[in-house]
């Protein structure tokens, strides 16, 4: 996410996003170079910081990453000891013969698909 200030230009009627590092004392429309005003929070004196998604975040959202992360967070709220690896494939190999185990084992593996 990128933080910046919103700008509404009365001259060209466009809403623009100005990254924080590019803001200055005077607001100038990047579309028509006319003087403009930064968006204000609830008509206050303070300017309102707005956020813009980057192309990387847009692509992740389009590919369903956000849904998977929300499900992982919900499952971890239910059972805090849950450990999940998003977008990973786990395989298990078994061998014949005796298996030595120390302590108790309580491991469950499963698969979850979010659509």
PDB file of N, CA and C in Angstrom:
ATOM      1  N   UNK A   1       0.841  -1.173   0.000  1.00  0.00           N
ATOM      2  CA  UNK A   1       0.000   0.000   0.000  1.00  0.00           C
ATOM      3  C   UNK A   1       0.888   1.238   0.000  1.00  0.00           C
ATOM      4  N   UNK A   2       0.416   2.191  -0.702  1.00  0.00           N
ATOM      5  CA  UNK A   2       1.135   3.454  -0.772  1.00  0.00           C
ATOM      6  C   UNK A   2       0.277   4.523  -0.104  1.00  0.00           C
ATOM      7  N   UNK A   3       0.898   5.348   0.732  1.00  0.00           N
ATOM      8  CA  UNK A   3       0.162   6.420   1.403  1.00  0.00           C
ATOM      9  C   UNK A   3       0.371   7.732   0.672  1.00  0.00           C
ATOM     10  N   UNK A   4      -0.691   8.535   0.662  1.00  0.00           N
ATOM     11  CA  UNK A   4      -0.598   9.827   0.011  1.00  0.00           C
ATOM     12  C   UNK A   4      -1.785  10.697   0.367  1.00  0.00           C
ATOM     13  N   UNK A   5      -1.975  11.736  -0.413  1.00  0.00           N
ATOM     14  CA  UNK A   5      -3.075  12.662  -0.195  1.00  0.00           C
ATOM     15  C   UNK A   5      -3.969  12.690  -1.433  1.00  0.00           C
ATOM     16  N   UNK A   6      -5.255  12.758  -1.197  1.00  0.00           N
ATOM     17  CA  UNK A   6      -6.198  12.891  -2.294  1.00  0.00           C
ATOM     18  C   UNK A   6      -6.335  14.348  -2.676  1.00  0.00           C
ATOM     19  N   UNK A   7      -6.637  14.582  -3.941  1.00  0.00           N
ATOM     20  CA  UNK A   7      -6.735  15.938  -4.433  1.00  0.00           C
ATOM     21  C   UNK A   7      -7.900  16.016  -5.411  1.00  0.00           C
ATOM     22  N   UNK A   8      -8.804  16.950  -5.192  1.00  0.00           N
ATOM     23  CA  UNK A   8      -9.909  17.192  -6.113  1.00  0.00           C
ATOM     24  C   UNK A   8      -9.668  18.531  -6.802  1.00  0.00           C
ATOM     25  N   UNK A   9      -9.608  18.493  -8.118  1.00  0.00           N
ATOM     26  CA  UNK A   9      -9.349  19.713  -8.881  1.00  0.00           C
ATOM     27  C   UNK A   9     -10.668  20.297  -9.390  1.00  0.00           C
ATOM     28  N   UNK A  10     -10.913  21.566  -9.079  1.00  0.00           N
ATOM     29  CA  UNK A  10     -12.113  22.248  -9.561  1.00  0.00           C
ATOM     30  C   UNK A  10     -12.009  22.590 -11.045  1.00  0.00           C
ATOM     31  N   UNK A  11     -10.790  22.700 -11.536  1.00  0.00           N
ATOM     32  CA  UNK A  11     -10.573  23.086 -12.935  1.00  0.00           C
ATOM     33  C   UNK A  11     -10.860  21.931 -13.900  1.00  0.00           C
ATOM     34  N   UNK A  12     -10.186  20.785 -13.701  1.00  0.00           N
ATOM     35  CA  UNK A  12     -10.359  19.658 -14.637  1.00  0.00           C
ATOM     36  C   UNK A  12     -11.340  18.610 -14.112  1.00  0.00           C
ATOM     37  N   UNK A  13     -11.796  18.780 -12.876  1.00  0.00           N
ATOM     38  CA  UNK A  13     -12.793  17.893 -12.259  1.00  0.00           C
ATOM     39  C   UNK A  13     -12.290  16.456 -12.069  1.00  0.00           C
ATOM     40  N   UNK A  14     -10.984  16.275 -11.940  1.00  0.00           N
ATOM     41  CA  UNK A  14     -10.418  14.945 -11.727  1.00  0.00           C
ATOM     42  C   UNK A  14      -9.996  14.771 -10.281  1.00  0.00           C
ATOM     43  N   UNK A  15     -10.147  13.551  -9.795  1.00  0.00           N
ATOM     44  CA  UNK A  15      -9.661  13.196  -8.465  1.00  0.00           C
ATOM     45  C   UNK A  15      -8.293  12.549  -8.659  1.00  0.00           C
ATOM     46  N   UNK A  16      -7.298  13.033  -7.956  1.00  0.00           N
ATOM     47  CA  UNK A  16      -5.933  12.528  -8.112  1.00  0.00           C
ATOM     48  C   UNK A  16      -5.376  12.037  -6.793  1.00  0.00           C
ATOM     49  N   UNK A  17      -4.357  11.197  -6.889  1.00  0.00           N
ATOM     50  CA  UNK A  17      -3.627  10.687  -5.732  1.00  0.00           C
ATOM     51  C   UNK A  17      -2.212  11.227  -5.822  1.00  0.00           C
ATOM     52  N   UNK A  18      -1.766  11.867  -4.739  1.00  0.00           N
ATOM     53  CA  UNK A  18      -0.411  12.399  -4.680  1.00  0.00           C
ATOM     54  C   UNK A  18       0.340  11.629  -3.586  1.00  0.00           C
ATOM     55  N   UNK A  19       1.394  10.862  -3.941  1.00  0.00           N
ATOM     56  CA  UNK A  19       2.156  10.142  -2.912  1.00  0.00           C
ATOM     57  C   UNK A  19       2.728  11.121  -1.882  1.00  0.00           C
ATOM     58  N   UNK A  20       2.839  10.680  -0.627  1.00  0.00           N
ATOM     59  CA  UNK A  20       3.301  11.585   0.439  1.00  0.00           C
ATOM     60  C   UNK A  20       4.651  12.214   0.120  1.00  0.00           C
ATOM     61  N   UNK A  21       5.554  11.453  -0.478  1.00  0.00           N
ATOM     62  CA  UNK A  21       6.888  11.999  -0.761  1.00  0.00           C
ATOM     63  C   UNK A  21       6.844  13.092  -1.841  1.00  0.00           C
ATOM     64  N   UNK A  22       5.749  13.168  -2.604  1.00  0.00           N
ATOM     65  CA  UNK A  22       5.635  14.166  -3.670  1.00  0.00           C
ATOM     66  C   UNK A  22       4.770  15.355  -3.282  1.00  0.00           C
ATOM     67  N   UNK A  23       4.243  15.357  -2.064  1.00  0.00           N
ATOM     68  CA  UNK A  23       3.388  16.474  -1.650  1.00  0.00           C
ATOM     69  C   UNK A  23       4.245  17.672  -1.262  1.00  0.00           C
ATOM     70  N   UNK A  24       3.688  18.825  -1.443  1.00  0.00           N
ATOM     71  CA  UNK A  24       4.378  20.055  -1.080  1.00  0.00           C
ATOM     72  C   UNK A  24       3.435  20.982  -0.354  1.00  0.00           C
ATOM     73  N   UNK A  25       3.844  22.207  -0.150  1.00  0.00           N
ATOM     74  CA  UNK A  25       3.014  23.176   0.533  1.00  0.00           C
ATOM     75  C   UNK A  25       1.755  23.523  -0.248  1.00  0.00           C
ATOM     76  N   UNK A  26       1.896  23.631  -1.556  1.00  0.00           N
ATOM     77  CA  UNK A  26       0.755  23.955  -2.406  1.00  0.00           C
ATOM     78  C   UNK A  26       0.319  22.726  -3.171  1.00  0.00           C
ATOM     79  N   UNK A  27      -0.978  22.522  -3.219  1.00  0.00           N
ATOM     80  CA  UNK A  27      -1.522  21.405  -3.989  1.00  0.00           C
ATOM     81  C   UNK A  27      -1.699  21.846  -5.435  1.00  0.00           C
ATOM     82  N   UNK A  28      -1.162  21.037  -6.340  1.00  0.00           N
ATOM     83  CA  UNK A  28      -1.274  21.321  -7.770  1.00  0.00           C
ATOM     84  C   UNK A  28      -1.790  20.061  -8.454  1.00  0.00           C
ATOM     85  N   UNK A  29      -2.784  20.202  -9.287  1.00  0.00           N
ATOM     86  CA  UNK A  29      -3.356  19.068 -10.006  1.00  0.00           C
ATOM     87  C   UNK A  29      -2.326  18.503 -10.977  1.00  0.00           C
ATOM     88  N   UNK A  30      -2.045  17.192 -10.901  1.00  0.00           N
ATOM     89  CA  UNK A  30      -1.098  16.608 -11.845  1.00  0.00           C
ATOM     90  C   UNK A  30      -1.669  16.527 -13.261  1.00  0.00           C
ATOM     91  N   UNK A  31      -2.985  16.645 -13.407  1.00  0.00           N
ATOM     92  CA  UNK A  31      -3.611  16.551 -14.723  1.00  0.00           C
ATOM     93  C   UNK A  31      -3.554  17.861 -15.495  1.00  0.00           C
ATOM     94  N   UNK A  32      -3.847  18.987 -14.814  1.00  0.00           N
ATOM     95  CA  UNK A  32      -3.917  20.263 -15.536  1.00  0.00           C
ATOM     96  C   UNK A  32      -3.006  21.350 -14.958  1.00  0.00           C
ATOM     97  N   UNK A  33      -2.275  21.051 -13.899  1.00  0.00           N
ATOM     98  CA  UNK A  33      -1.340  21.978 -13.237  1.00  0.00           C
ATOM     99  C   UNK A  33      -2.018  23.183 -12.599  1.00  0.00           C
ATOM    100  N   UNK A  34      -3.325  23.104 -12.399  1.00  0.00           N
ATOM    101  CA  UNK A  34      -4.053  24.192 -11.745  1.00  0.00           C
ATOM    102  C   UNK A  34      -3.933  24.052 -10.232  1.00  0.00           C
ATOM    103  N   UNK A  35      -3.967  25.154  -9.495  1.00  0.00           N
ATOM    104  CA  UNK A  35      -3.975  25.060  -8.037  1.00  0.00           C
ATOM    105  C   UNK A  35      -5.230  24.313  -7.574  1.00  0.00           C
ATOM    106  N   UNK A  36      -5.064  23.491  -6.552  1.00  0.00           N
ATOM    107  CA  UNK A  36      -6.189  22.683  -6.061  1.00  0.00           C
ATOM    108  C   UNK A  36      -6.070  22.564  -4.547  1.00  0.00           C
ATOM    109  N   UNK A  37      -6.974  21.821  -3.953  1.00  0.00           N
ATOM    110  CA  UNK A  37      -6.964  21.607  -2.507  1.00  0.00           C
ATOM    111  C   UNK A  37      -6.862  20.124  -2.207  1.00  0.00           C
ATOM    112  N   UNK A  38      -6.061  19.792  -1.190  1.00  0.00           N
ATOM    113  CA  UNK A  38      -6.008  18.404  -0.720  1.00  0.00           C
ATOM    114  C   UNK A  38      -7.316  18.074  -0.012  1.00  0.00           C
ATOM    115  N   UNK A  39      -7.689  16.812  -0.053  1.00  0.00           N
ATOM    116  CA  UNK A  39      -8.902  16.382   0.648  1.00  0.00           C
ATOM    117  C   UNK A  39      -8.734  16.590   2.145  1.00  0.00           C
ATOM    118  N   UNK A  40      -9.791  17.025   2.782  1.00  0.00           N
ATOM    119  CA  UNK A  40      -9.784  17.256   4.235  1.00  0.00           C
ATOM    120  C   UNK A  40     -10.667  16.223   4.911  1.00  0.00           C
ATOM    121  N   UNK A  41     -10.268  15.798   6.085  1.00  0.00           N
ATOM    122  CA  UNK A  41     -11.045  14.823   6.863  1.00  0.00           C
ATOM    123  C   UNK A  41     -12.207  15.546   7.532  1.00  0.00           C
ATOM    124  N   UNK A  42     -13.424  15.212   7.149  1.00  0.00           N
ATOM    125  CA  UNK A  42     -14.637  15.776   7.751  1.00  0.00           C
ATOM    126  C   UNK A  42     -14.626  17.301   7.771  1.00  0.00           C
ATOM    127  N   UNK A  43     -14.174  17.917   6.700  1.00  0.00           N
ATOM    128  CA  UNK A  43     -14.110  19.385   6.586  1.00  0.00           C
ATOM    129  C   UNK A  43     -13.266  20.023   7.684  1.00  0.00           C
ATOM    130  N   UNK A  44     -12.258  19.301   8.147  1.00  0.00           N
ATOM    131  CA  UNK A  44     -11.332  19.833   9.163  1.00  0.00           C
ATOM    132  C   UNK A  44     -10.219  20.624   8.493  1.00  0.00           C
ATOM    133  N   UNK A  45      -9.324  21.087   9.335  1.00  0.00           N
ATOM    134  CA  UNK A  45      -8.114  21.717   8.830  1.00  0.00           C
ATOM    135  C   UNK A  45      -7.072  20.666   8.447  1.00  0.00           C
ATOM    136  N   UNK A  46      -7.172  19.475   9.050  1.00  0.00           N
ATOM    137  CA  UNK A  46      -6.194  18.421   8.793  1.00  0.00           C
ATOM    138  C   UNK A  46      -6.469  17.740   7.455  1.00  0.00           C
ATOM    139  N   UNK A  47      -5.388  17.479   6.715  1.00  0.00           N
ATOM    140  CA  UNK A  47      -5.560  16.756   5.456  1.00  0.00           C
ATOM    141  C   UNK A  47      -5.802  15.282   5.756  1.00  0.00           C
ATOM    142  N   UNK A  48      -6.457  14.606   4.826  1.00  0.00           N
ATOM    143  CA  UNK A  48      -6.793  13.195   4.994  1.00  0.00           C
ATOM    144  C   UNK A  48      -5.777  12.338   4.239  1.00  0.00           C
ATOM    145  N   UNK A  49      -5.125  11.437   4.959  1.00  0.00           N
ATOM    146  CA  UNK A  49      -4.191  10.513   4.323  1.00  0.00           C
ATOM    147  C   UNK A  49      -5.000   9.367   3.726  1.00  0.00           C
ATOM    148  N   UNK A  50      -4.780   9.103   2.452  1.00  0.00           N
ATOM    149  CA  UNK A  50      -5.478   8.035   1.757  1.00  0.00           C
ATOM    150  C   UNK A  50      -4.469   6.974   1.332  1.00  0.00           C
ATOM    151  N   UNK A  51      -4.978   5.799   1.019  1.00  0.00           N
ATOM    152  CA  UNK A  51      -4.119   4.684   0.628  1.00  0.00           C
ATOM    153  C   UNK A  51      -4.454   4.235  -0.782  1.00  0.00           C
ATOM    154  N   UNK A  52      -3.436   3.788  -1.477  1.00  0.00           N
ATOM    155  CA  UNK A  52      -3.604   3.262  -2.829  1.00  0.00           C
ATOM    156  C   UNK A  52      -2.890   1.918  -2.903  1.00  0.00           C
ATOM    157  N   UNK A  53      -3.593   0.946  -3.471  1.00  0.00           N
ATOM    158  CA  UNK A  53      -2.977  -0.366  -3.628  1.00  0.00           C
ATOM    159  C   UNK A  53      -1.963  -0.325  -4.750  1.00  0.00           C
ATOM    160  N   UNK A  54      -0.855  -1.018  -4.545  1.00  0.00           N
ATOM    161  CA  UNK A  54       0.149  -1.118  -5.590  1.00  0.00           C
ATOM    162  C   UNK A  54      -0.218  -2.271  -6.523  1.00  0.00           C
ATOM    163  N   UNK A  55       0.467  -2.374  -7.643  1.00  0.00           N
ATOM    164  CA  UNK A  55       0.202  -3.441  -8.605  1.00  0.00           C
ATOM    165  C   UNK A  55       0.446  -4.811  -7.977  1.00  0.00           C
ATOM    166  N   UNK A  56       1.429  -4.909  -7.091  1.00  0.00           N
ATOM    167  CA  UNK A  56       1.726  -6.175  -6.413  1.00  0.00           C
ATOM    168  C   UNK A  56       0.540  -6.620  -5.557  1.00  0.00           C
ATOM    169  N   UNK A  57      -0.041  -5.696  -4.815  1.00  0.00           N
ATOM    170  CA  UNK A  57      -1.185  -6.029  -3.959  1.00  0.00           C
ATOM    171  C   UNK A  57      -2.408  -6.324  -4.819  1.00  0.00           C
ATOM    172  N   UNK A  58      -2.620  -5.572  -5.894  1.00  0.00           N
ATOM    173  CA  UNK A  58      -3.739  -5.852  -6.803  1.00  0.00           C
ATOM    174  C   UNK A  58      -3.647  -7.268  -7.359  1.00  0.00           C
ATOM    175  N   UNK A  59      -2.454  -7.665  -7.760  1.00  0.00           N
ATOM    176  CA  UNK A  59      -2.274  -9.011  -8.312  1.00  0.00           C
ATOM    177  C   UNK A  59      -2.533 -10.076  -7.254  1.00  0.00           C
ATOM    178  N   UNK A  60      -2.062  -9.847  -6.038  1.00  0.00           N
ATOM    179  CA  UNK A  60      -2.297 -10.809  -4.954  1.00  0.00           C
ATOM    180  C   UNK A  60      -3.784 -10.943  -4.655  1.00  0.00           C
ATOM    181  N   UNK A  61      -4.503  -9.829  -4.624  1.00  0.00           N
ATOM    182  CA  UNK A  61      -5.942  -9.858  -4.371  1.00  0.00           C
ATOM    183  C   UNK A  61      -6.663 -10.595  -5.500  1.00  0.00           C
ATOM    184  N   UNK A  62      -6.263 -10.320  -6.735  1.00  0.00           N
ATOM    185  CA  UNK A  62      -6.876 -10.991  -7.886  1.00  0.00           C
ATOM    186  C   UNK A  62      -6.657 -12.500  -7.849  1.00  0.00           C
ATOM    187  N   UNK A  63      -5.535 -12.934  -7.288  1.00  0.00           N
ATOM    188  CA  UNK A  63      -5.219 -14.363  -7.230  1.00  0.00           C
ATOM    189  C   UNK A  63      -5.747 -15.040  -5.968  1.00  0.00           C
ATOM    190  N   UNK A  64      -6.506 -14.340  -5.150  1.00  0.00           N
ATOM    191  CA  UNK A  64      -7.150 -14.946  -3.997  1.00  0.00           C
ATOM    192  C   UNK A  64      -6.333 -14.993  -2.726  1.00  0.00           C
ATOM    193  N   UNK A  65      -5.215 -14.294  -2.692  1.00  0.00           N
ATOM    194  CA  UNK A  65      -4.361 -14.333  -1.506  1.00  0.00           C
ATOM    195  C   UNK A  65      -5.077 -13.781  -0.281  1.00  0.00           C
ATOM    196  N   UNK A  66      -5.823 -12.707  -0.460  1.00  0.00           N
ATOM    197  CA  UNK A  66      -6.505 -12.080   0.673  1.00  0.00           C
ATOM    198  C   UNK A  66      -7.477 -13.045   1.342  1.00  0.00           C
ATOM    199  N   UNK A  67      -8.237 -13.796   0.545  1.00  0.00           N
ATOM    200  CA  UNK A  67      -9.182 -14.764   1.121  1.00  0.00           C
ATOM    201  C   UNK A  67      -8.451 -15.820   1.937  1.00  0.00           C
ATOM    202  N   UNK A  68      -7.332 -16.314   1.419  1.00  0.00           N
ATOM    203  CA  UNK A  68      -6.573 -17.325   2.148  1.00  0.00           C
ATOM    204  C   UNK A  68      -6.034 -16.772   3.469  1.00  0.00           C
ATOM    205  N   UNK A  69      -5.514 -15.557   3.440  1.00  0.00           N
ATOM    206  CA  UNK A  69      -4.980 -14.958   4.662  1.00  0.00           C
ATOM    207  C   UNK A  69      -6.081 -14.717   5.697  1.00  0.00           C
ATOM    208  N   UNK A  70      -7.287 -14.351   5.248  1.00  0.00           N
ATOM    209  CA  UNK A  70      -8.403 -14.164   6.178  1.00  0.00           C
ATOM    210  C   UNK A  70      -8.815 -15.487   6.819  1.00  0.00           C
ATOM    211  N   UNK A  71      -8.827 -16.569   6.036  1.00  0.00           N
ATOM    212  CA  UNK A  71      -9.160 -17.888   6.590  1.00  0.00           C
ATOM    213  C   UNK A  71      -8.097 -18.327   7.582  1.00  0.00           C
ATOM    214  N   UNK A  72      -6.833 -18.115   7.253  1.00  0.00           N
ATOM    215  CA  UNK A  72      -5.745 -18.478   8.171  1.00  0.00           C
ATOM    216  C   UNK A  72      -5.883 -17.705   9.481  1.00  0.00           C
ATOM    217  N   UNK A  73      -6.177 -16.413   9.401  1.00  0.00           N
ATOM    218  CA  UNK A  73      -6.335 -15.604  10.618  1.00  0.00           C
ATOM    219  C   UNK A  73      -7.508 -16.096  11.448  1.00  0.00           C
ATOM    220  N   UNK A  74      -8.621 -16.458  10.796  1.00  0.00           N
ATOM    221  CA  UNK A  74      -9.785 -16.960  11.534  1.00  0.00           C
ATOM    222  C   UNK A  74      -9.478 -18.286  12.208  1.00  0.00           C
ATOM    223  N   UNK A  75      -8.779 -19.190  11.518  1.00  0.00           N
ATOM    224  CA  UNK A  75      -8.427 -20.480  12.114  1.00  0.00           C
ATOM    225  C   UNK A  75      -7.456 -20.308  13.271  1.00  0.00           C
ATOM    226  N   UNK A  76      -6.537 -19.366  13.161  1.00  0.00           N
ATOM    227  CA  UNK A  76      -5.590 -19.133  14.253  1.00  0.00           C
ATOM    228  C   UNK A  76      -6.263 -18.466  15.448  1.00  0.00           C
ATOM    229  N   UNK A  77      -7.344 -17.720  15.213  1.00  0.00           N
ATOM    230  CA  UNK A  77      -8.115 -17.172  16.332  1.00  0.00           C
ATOM    231  C   UNK A  77      -8.813 -18.290  17.101  1.00  0.00           C
ATOM    232  N   UNK A  78      -9.315 -19.283  16.360  1.00  0.00           N
ATOM    233  CA  UNK A  78     -10.010 -20.411  16.990  1.00  0.00           C
ATOM    234  C   UNK A  78      -9.027 -21.287  17.764  1.00  0.00           C
ATOM    235  N   UNK A  79      -7.903 -21.591  17.147  1.00  0.00           N
ATOM    236  CA  UNK A  79      -6.888 -22.458  17.762  1.00  0.00           C
ATOM    237  C   UNK A  79      -5.524 -21.786  17.596  1.00  0.00           C
ATOM    238  N   UNK A  80      -5.063 -21.028  18.604  1.00  0.00           N
ATOM    239  CA  UNK A  80      -3.815 -20.268  18.488  1.00  0.00           C
ATOM    240  C   UNK A  80      -2.578 -21.121  18.176  1.00  0.00           C
ATOM    241  N   UNK A  81      -2.630 -22.414  18.472  1.00  0.00           N
ATOM    242  CA  UNK A  81      -1.462 -23.252  18.189  1.00  0.00           C
ATOM    243  C   UNK A  81      -1.433 -23.734  16.737  1.00  0.00           C
ATOM    244  N   UNK A  82      -2.392 -23.290  15.927  1.00  0.00           N
ATOM    245  CA  UNK A  82      -2.449 -23.679  14.525  1.00  0.00           C
ATOM    246  C   UNK A  82      -1.294 -23.047  13.767  1.00  0.00           C
ATOM    247  N   UNK A  83      -0.641 -23.851  12.967  1.00  0.00           N
ATOM    248  CA  UNK A  83       0.455 -23.352  12.138  1.00  0.00           C
ATOM    249  C   UNK A  83       0.148 -23.721  10.698  1.00  0.00           C
ATOM    250  N   UNK A  84      -0.058 -22.724   9.858  1.00  0.00           N
ATOM    251  CA  UNK A  84      -0.433 -22.955   8.468  1.00  0.00           C
ATOM    252  C   UNK A  84       0.590 -22.330   7.537  1.00  0.00           C
ATOM    253  N   UNK A  85       0.830 -23.015   6.442  1.00  0.00           N
ATOM    254  CA  UNK A  85       1.715 -22.507   5.406  1.00  0.00           C
ATOM    255  C   UNK A  85       0.874 -22.236   4.161  1.00  0.00           C
ATOM    256  N   UNK A  86       0.564 -20.988   3.877  1.00  0.00           N
ATOM    257  CA  UNK A  86      -0.274 -20.707   2.712  1.00  0.00           C
ATOM    258  C   UNK A  86       0.447 -21.054   1.410  1.00  0.00           C
ATOM    259  N   UNK A  87      -0.313 -21.554   0.460  1.00  0.00           N
ATOM    260  CA  UNK A  87       0.179 -21.872  -0.883  1.00  0.00           C
ATOM    261  C   UNK A  87       1.363 -22.817  -0.863  1.00  0.00           C
ATOM    262  N   UNK A  88       1.305 -23.831  -0.027  1.00  0.00           N
ATOM    263  CA  UNK A  88       2.395 -24.796   0.011  1.00  0.00           C
ATOM    264  C   UNK A  88       1.838 -26.199  -0.114  1.00  0.00           C
ATOM    265  N   UNK A  89       2.627 -27.066  -0.678  1.00  0.00           N
ATOM    266  CA  UNK A  89       2.252 -28.458  -0.825  1.00  0.00           C
ATOM    267  C   UNK A  89       3.128 -29.276   0.102  1.00  0.00           C
ATOM    268  N   UNK A  90       2.492 -30.092   0.944  1.00  0.00           N
ATOM    269  CA  UNK A  90       3.230 -30.914   1.897  1.00  0.00           C
ATOM    270  C   UNK A  90       3.122 -32.364   1.467  1.00  0.00           C
ATOM    271  N   UNK A  91       4.227 -33.059   1.520  1.00  0.00           N
ATOM    272  CA  UNK A  91       4.210 -34.484   1.226  1.00  0.00           C
ATOM    273  C   UNK A  91       4.764 -35.228   2.431  1.00  0.00           C
ATOM    274  N   UNK A  92       4.382 -36.466   2.545  1.00  0.00           N
ATOM    275  CA  UNK A  92       4.835 -37.280   3.664  1.00  0.00           C
ATOM    276  C   UNK A  92       5.332 -38.606   3.128  1.00  0.00           C
ATOM    277  N   UNK A  93       6.471 -39.027   3.605  1.00  0.00           N
ATOM    278  CA  UNK A  93       7.009 -40.316   3.210  1.00  0.00           C
ATOM    279  C   UNK A  93       6.969 -41.233   4.424  1.00  0.00           C
ATOM    280  N   UNK A  94       6.519 -42.445   4.219  1.00  0.00           N
ATOM    281  CA  UNK A  94       6.499 -43.423   5.308  1.00  0.00           C
ATOM    282  C   UNK A  94       7.447 -44.557   4.955  1.00  0.00           C
ATOM    283  N   UNK A  95       8.001 -45.129   5.969  1.00  0.00           N
ATOM    284  CA  UNK A  95       8.886 -46.271   5.771  1.00  0.00           C
ATOM    285  C   UNK A  95       8.309 -47.458   6.505  1.00  0.00           C
ATOM    286  N   UNK A  96       8.633 -48.621   6.035  1.00  0.00           N
ATOM    287  CA  UNK A  96       8.162 -49.819   6.718  1.00  0.00           C
ATOM    288  C   UNK A  96       9.096 -50.134   7.865  1.00  0.00           C
ATOM    289  N   UNK A  97       8.604 -50.876   8.793  1.00  0.00           N
ATOM    290  CA  UNK A  97       9.409 -51.226   9.958  1.00  0.00           C
ATOM    291  C   UNK A  97       8.933 -50.472  11.173  1.00  0.00           C
ATOM    292  N   UNK A  98       9.707 -50.585  12.245  1.00  0.00           N
ATOM    293  CA  UNK A  98       9.295 -49.942  13.494  1.00  0.00           C
ATOM    294  C   UNK A  98       9.719 -48.484  13.495  1.00  0.00           C
ATOM    295  N   UNK A  99       8.951 -47.715  14.187  1.00  0.00           N
ATOM    296  CA  UNK A  99       9.227 -46.281  14.291  1.00  0.00           C
ATOM    297  C   UNK A  99       9.391 -45.939  15.750  1.00  0.00           C
ATOM    298  N   UNK A 100      10.456 -45.303  16.075  1.00  0.00           N
ATOM    299  CA  UNK A 100      10.711 -44.921  17.449  1.00  0.00           C
ATOM    300  C   UNK A 100      10.172 -43.518  17.686  1.00  0.00           C
ATOM    301  N   UNK A 101       9.456 -43.339  18.744  1.00  0.00           N
ATOM    302  CA  UNK A 101       8.867 -42.052  19.045  1.00  0.00           C
ATOM    303  C   UNK A 101       9.127 -41.702  20.500  1.00  0.00           C
ATOM    304  N   UNK A 102       9.539 -40.484  20.733  1.00  0.00           N
ATOM    305  CA  UNK A 102       9.721 -40.034  22.110  1.00  0.00           C
ATOM    306  C   UNK A 102       8.672 -38.985  22.404  1.00  0.00           C
ATOM    307  N   UNK A 103       8.027 -39.064  23.525  1.00  0.00           N
ATOM    308  CA  UNK A 103       6.981 -38.115  23.896  1.00  0.00           C
ATOM    309  C   UNK A 103       5.702 -38.419  23.144  1.00  0.00           C
ATOM    310  N   UNK A 104       4.756 -37.523  23.285  1.00  0.00           N
ATOM    311  CA  UNK A 104       3.477 -37.742  22.607  1.00  0.00           C
ATOM    312  C   UNK A 104       3.426 -36.907  21.338  1.00  0.00           C
ATOM    313  N   UNK A 105       2.786 -37.463  20.346  1.00  0.00           N
ATOM    314  CA  UNK A 105       2.640 -36.740  19.089  1.00  0.00           C
ATOM    315  C   UNK A 105       1.168 -36.449  18.848  1.00  0.00           C
ATOM    316  N   UNK A 106       0.884 -35.226  18.525  1.00  0.00           N
ATOM    317  CA  UNK A 106      -0.486 -34.845  18.219  1.00  0.00           C
ATOM    318  C   UNK A 106      -0.438 -33.939  16.994  1.00  0.00           C
ATOM    319  N   UNK A 107      -0.298 -34.552  15.846  1.00  0.00           N
ATOM    320  CA  UNK A 107      -0.175 -33.786  14.614  1.00  0.00           C
ATOM    321  C   UNK A 107      -1.259 -34.206  13.644  1.00  0.00           C
ATOM    322  N   UNK A 108      -1.921 -33.229  13.080  1.00  0.00           N
ATOM    323  CA  UNK A 108      -2.915 -33.500  12.049  1.00  0.00           C
ATOM    324  C   UNK A 108      -2.563 -32.662  10.826  1.00  0.00           C
ATOM    325  N   UNK A 109      -2.670 -33.277   9.691  1.00  0.00           N
ATOM    326  CA  UNK A 109      -2.421 -32.555   8.444  1.00  0.00           C
ATOM    327  C   UNK A 109      -3.697 -32.586   7.619  1.00  0.00           C
ATOM    328  N   UNK A 110      -3.909 -31.563   6.888  1.00  0.00           N
ATOM    329  CA  UNK A 110      -5.097 -31.528   6.054  1.00  0.00           C
ATOM    330  C   UNK A 110      -4.903 -30.576   4.906  1.00  0.00           C
ATOM    331  N   UNK A 111      -5.909 -30.468   4.116  1.00  0.00           N
ATOM    332  CA  UNK A 111      -5.876 -29.594   2.951  1.00  0.00           C
ATOM    333  C   UNK A 111      -7.105 -28.687   3.003  1.00  0.00           C
ATOM    334  N   UNK A 112      -6.930 -27.451   2.613  1.00  0.00           N
ATOM    335  CA  UNK A 112      -8.020 -26.497   2.622  1.00  0.00           C
ATOM    336  C   UNK A 112      -7.959 -25.697   1.343  1.00  0.00           C
ATOM    337  N   UNK A 113      -9.060 -25.605   0.660  1.00  0.00           N
ATOM    338  CA  UNK A 113      -9.131 -24.813  -0.562  1.00  0.00           C
ATOM    339  C   UNK A 113     -10.216 -23.769  -0.373  1.00  0.00           C
ATOM    340  N   UNK A 114      -9.865 -22.532  -0.626  1.00  0.00           N
ATOM    341  CA  UNK A 114     -10.800 -21.412  -0.470  1.00  0.00           C
ATOM    342  C   UNK A 114     -11.209 -20.940  -1.848  1.00  0.00           C
ATOM    343  N   UNK A 115     -12.518 -20.851  -2.080  1.00  0.00           N
ATOM    344  CA  UNK A 115     -13.013 -20.364  -3.377  1.00  0.00           C
ATOM    345  C   UNK A 115     -13.891 -19.169  -3.188  1.00  0.00           C
TER     346      UNK A 115
END
